[in-house]
Structure formats: structure tokens, C-alpha cells
Protein backbone atom coordinates (compact mmCIF):
# COMPACT_ATOMS: atom_id res chain seq x y z
CA MET A 1 124.53 99.71 219.61
CA THR A 2 126.93 102.59 219.00
CA ALA A 3 126.30 106.05 220.35
CA THR A 4 127.09 109.10 218.29
CA MET A 5 129.42 111.67 219.73
CA LYS A 6 128.00 115.04 220.81
CA TYR A 7 131.23 116.80 219.83
CA THR A 8 133.07 116.61 216.52
CA SER A 9 136.76 115.80 216.31
CA LYS A 10 137.38 119.31 214.97
CA GLN A 11 135.63 120.90 217.96
CA ILE A 12 137.49 118.73 220.49
CA ASN A 13 140.89 119.46 218.93
CA ARG A 14 140.04 123.17 218.79
CA ASP A 15 139.13 123.38 222.49
CA TRP A 16 141.37 120.84 224.25
CA ARG A 17 144.82 119.29 224.45
CA ILE A 18 144.42 115.70 225.61
CA LYS A 19 147.27 114.23 227.65
CA VAL A 20 147.32 110.54 228.60
CA ASP A 21 149.39 108.99 231.37
CA GLY A 22 149.42 105.33 232.38
CA MET A 23 149.91 101.89 230.88
CA THR A 24 148.40 100.31 227.76
CA GLU A 25 147.04 96.78 227.67
CA ASP A 26 150.36 95.67 226.10
CA GLY A 27 152.29 96.99 229.10
CA GLN A 28 153.72 100.03 227.29
CA ARG A 29 154.08 103.24 229.31
CA LEU A 30 152.11 106.27 228.09
CA HIS A 31 152.90 109.89 228.86
CA THR A 32 151.95 111.82 225.76
CA LEU A 33 149.52 114.15 224.03
CA MET A 34 146.96 112.26 222.00
CA GLY A 35 144.44 113.02 219.26
CA VAL A 36 140.79 112.11 219.23
CA SER A 37 141.18 108.87 217.25
CA GLY A 38 143.99 107.69 219.53
CA ILE A 39 142.04 108.33 222.72
CA ILE A 40 138.98 106.56 221.27
CA ALA A 41 141.15 103.53 220.49
CA LEU A 42 142.55 103.59 224.04
CA ILE A 43 139.47 104.18 226.22
CA GLY A 44 136.45 103.94 223.88
CA GLU A 45 133.75 106.36 222.78
CA ALA A 46 131.58 106.01 225.88
CA PHE A 47 134.32 107.03 228.31
CA LEU A 48 135.51 109.82 226.00
CA GLN A 49 131.98 111.23 225.82
CA LYS A 50 131.64 111.08 229.61
CA PHE A 51 135.04 112.73 230.14
CA LEU A 52 134.33 115.46 227.56
CA ASP A 53 131.01 116.29 229.21
CA ARG A 54 132.87 116.64 232.51
CA ALA A 55 135.60 118.79 230.91
CA TYR A 56 133.15 121.12 229.15
CA ASP A 57 131.11 121.54 232.37
CA SER A 58 134.28 122.33 234.32
CA MET A 59 135.32 125.94 234.62
CA ALA A 60 138.98 125.12 235.31
CA ASP A 61 141.96 125.29 232.94
CA SER A 62 142.41 121.53 233.20
CA CYS A 63 140.20 118.57 233.99
CA THR A 64 141.70 115.26 235.12
CA CYS A 65 139.76 112.01 234.67
CA LYS A 66 141.01 108.68 236.00
CA LEU A 67 140.14 105.13 235.05
CA ARG A 68 140.42 102.22 237.47
CA ARG A 69 142.95 100.50 235.25
CA GLY A 70 145.45 103.27 235.95
CA VAL A 71 145.00 105.46 232.88
CA VAL A 72 144.80 109.18 233.64
CA VAL A 73 143.37 111.48 230.97
CA THR A 74 143.85 115.23 231.41
CA PHE A 75 142.10 117.81 229.25
CA TYR A 76 143.91 121.15 229.03
CA ALA A 77 141.88 124.11 227.74
CA LYS A 78 143.42 126.02 224.85
């Protein structure tokens, strides 16, 4: 069962810069800005939805979300 996203790709890219830091499953080091499709491929729609809800509820300029596998996703407000 796939869940639909509450936010469109256009809305996410308009409001946020998404920076990813950590390691991929292949062992490659990540430290880069990423688009919506890239972050979905890396962490999945469920985690992205959860992280976006947290970022939109936050009143700060940036919101950092961490996964147990060592991937850190930071949302910077535009």
C-alpha cells in the first residue's frame, strides 16, 4: 500500500533546500544538496513525509532529521 504525499515536489522545492550527509548502502559518502526524487530514492516516501511534517511544523530556519543508519537530512528554509 503506497501513501500519497501531502506536499507536491514543486511546493517542497519552493520552500526547502534539502541537504543530505552520511553514507549510502553502497558505501559512498554523501554530503550534497538533493532534490525530491533523489531523497525519495534514498530514504523512502514514508520517512520523507514524516521529516517534511516536522520541518513545516518547525519555526526555525533549519530542521535536522537523523536516521539510525547514519544518514542526516537537513531542511533549510528558503
